[in-house]
C-alpha atoms as a PDB file:
ATOM      1  CA  MET A   1     -17.588 -23.794 -18.717  1.00  0.00           C
ATOM      2  CA  LYS A   2     -17.180 -22.089 -15.328  1.00  0.00           C
ATOM      3  CA  THR A   3     -15.039 -19.387 -16.909  1.00  0.00           C
ATOM      4  CA  THR A   4     -17.677 -18.637 -19.530  1.00  0.00           C
ATOM      5  CA  THR A   5     -20.446 -18.470 -16.929  1.00  0.00           C
ATOM      6  CA  LEU A   6     -18.363 -16.186 -14.737  1.00  0.00           C
ATOM      7  CA  LEU A   7     -17.537 -13.941 -17.685  1.00  0.00           C
ATOM      8  CA  ILE A   8     -21.210 -13.627 -18.622  1.00  0.00           C
ATOM      9  CA  ALA A   9     -22.161 -12.828 -15.016  1.00  0.00           C
ATOM     10  CA  PHE A  10     -19.534 -10.077 -14.796  1.00  0.00           C
ATOM     11  CA  SER A  11     -20.616  -8.526 -18.082  1.00  0.00           C
ATOM     12  CA  PHE A  12     -24.246  -8.308 -16.910  1.00  0.00           C
ATOM     13  CA  PHE A  13     -23.081  -6.762 -13.633  1.00  0.00           C
ATOM     14  CA  PHE A  14     -20.962  -4.094 -15.317  1.00  0.00           C
ATOM     15  CA  GLN A  15     -23.656  -3.384 -17.907  1.00  0.00           C
ATOM     16  CA  THR A  16     -26.094  -2.665 -15.062  1.00  0.00           C
ATOM     17  CA  LEU A  17     -23.603  -0.241 -13.542  1.00  0.00           C
ATOM     18  CA  THR A  18     -23.295   1.709 -16.776  1.00  0.00           C
ATOM     19  CA  ILE A  19     -27.045   1.837 -17.374  1.00  0.00           C
ATOM     20  CA  SER A  20     -27.898   3.399 -14.010  1.00  0.00           C
ATOM     21  CA  GLN A  21     -25.465   6.285 -14.050  1.00  0.00           C
ATOM     22  CA  THR A  22     -25.072   8.951 -11.459  1.00  0.00           C
ATOM     23  CA  CYS A  23     -24.587  12.451 -12.738  1.00  0.00           C
ATOM     24  CA  LEU A  24     -24.205  16.057 -11.699  1.00  0.00           C
ATOM     25  CA  PRO A  25     -21.833  15.607  -8.734  1.00  0.00           C
ATOM     26  CA  GLU A  26     -21.798  19.399  -8.380  1.00  0.00           C
ATOM     27  CA  GLY A  27     -25.599  19.401  -8.050  1.00  0.00           C
ATOM     28  CA  ILE A  28     -28.225  21.330  -9.961  1.00  0.00           C
ATOM     29  CA  THR A  29     -30.595  24.225  -9.345  1.00  0.00           C
ATOM     30  CA  PHE A  30     -33.978  24.330 -11.021  1.00  0.00           C
ATOM     31  CA  SER A  31     -35.516  27.790 -11.204  1.00  0.00           C
ATOM     32  CA  THR A  32     -38.073  27.343 -13.998  1.00  0.00           C
ATOM     33  CA  GLN A  33     -40.614  24.722 -14.962  1.00  0.00           C
ATOM     34  CA  ALA A  34     -38.937  24.436 -18.367  1.00  0.00           C
ATOM     35  CA  GLU A  35     -35.650  23.329 -16.746  1.00  0.00           C
ATOM     36  CA  ILE A  36     -37.481  20.507 -14.986  1.00  0.00           C
ATOM     37  CA  ASP A  37     -39.461  19.570 -18.088  1.00  0.00           C
ATOM     38  CA  ASN A  38     -36.283  19.403 -20.207  1.00  0.00           C
ATOM     39  CA  PHE A  39     -34.147  17.497 -17.686  1.00  0.00           C
ATOM     40  CA  GLN A  40     -34.414  14.112 -19.427  1.00  0.00           C
ATOM     41  CA  THR A  41     -33.513  15.699 -22.758  1.00  0.00           C
ATOM     42  CA  ASN A  42     -30.569  17.638 -21.328  1.00  0.00           C
ATOM     43  CA  TYR A  43     -29.219  14.745 -19.216  1.00  0.00           C
ATOM     44  CA  PRO A  44     -30.136  11.485 -20.982  1.00  0.00           C
ATOM     45  CA  GLY A  45     -29.251   8.402 -18.987  1.00  0.00           C
ATOM     46  CA  CYS A  46     -29.045  10.266 -15.692  1.00  0.00           C
ATOM     47  CA  THR A  47     -30.895   8.224 -13.086  1.00  0.00           C
ATOM     48  CA  GLU A  48     -29.370   9.554  -9.883  1.00  0.00           C
ATOM     49  CA  ILE A  49     -28.130  13.068  -9.108  1.00  0.00           C
ATOM     50  CA  SER A  50     -25.172  12.741  -6.765  1.00  0.00           C
ATOM     51  CA  GLY A  51     -25.033  16.435  -5.838  1.00  0.00           C
ATOM     52  CA  VAL A  52     -27.512  18.717  -4.108  1.00  0.00           C
ATOM     53  CA  VAL A  53     -30.797  19.448  -5.902  1.00  0.00           C
ATOM     54  CA  THR A  54     -32.170  22.943  -5.280  1.00  0.00           C
ATOM     55  CA  ILE A  55     -35.623  23.975  -6.451  1.00  0.00           C
ATOM     56  CA  LYS A  56     -36.471  27.661  -6.304  1.00  0.00           C
ATOM     57  CA  GLY A  57     -38.948  29.784  -8.136  1.00  0.00           C
ATOM     58  CA  ASN A  58     -42.641  30.480  -7.823  1.00  0.00           C
ATOM     59  CA  ASN A  59     -43.489  29.268 -11.316  1.00  0.00           C
ATOM     60  CA  ILE A  60     -42.638  25.579 -10.710  1.00  0.00           C
ATOM     61  CA  THR A  61     -45.882  23.645 -10.532  1.00  0.00           C
ATOM     62  CA  ASN A  62     -44.817  19.979 -10.817  1.00  0.00           C
ATOM     63  CA  LEU A  63     -41.734  17.786 -10.751  1.00  0.00           C
ATOM     64  CA  ASP A  64     -42.914  15.205 -13.266  1.00  0.00           C
ATOM     65  CA  GLY A  65     -40.459  16.370 -15.919  1.00  0.00           C
END
């Protein structure tokens, strides 16, 4: 019984790790509003950017994506 409970606990833990994935260790530069708007489509499942995020360009009006 303890083994089964421990196995279930570990599987939930590792499933959580795979759901919240880091991405883009080299970073990313946004230079247009379209790049920001399309981020979720281009990088599905990415919840944390591990590299540097650079935002440049006068035409970027919001970061909502």
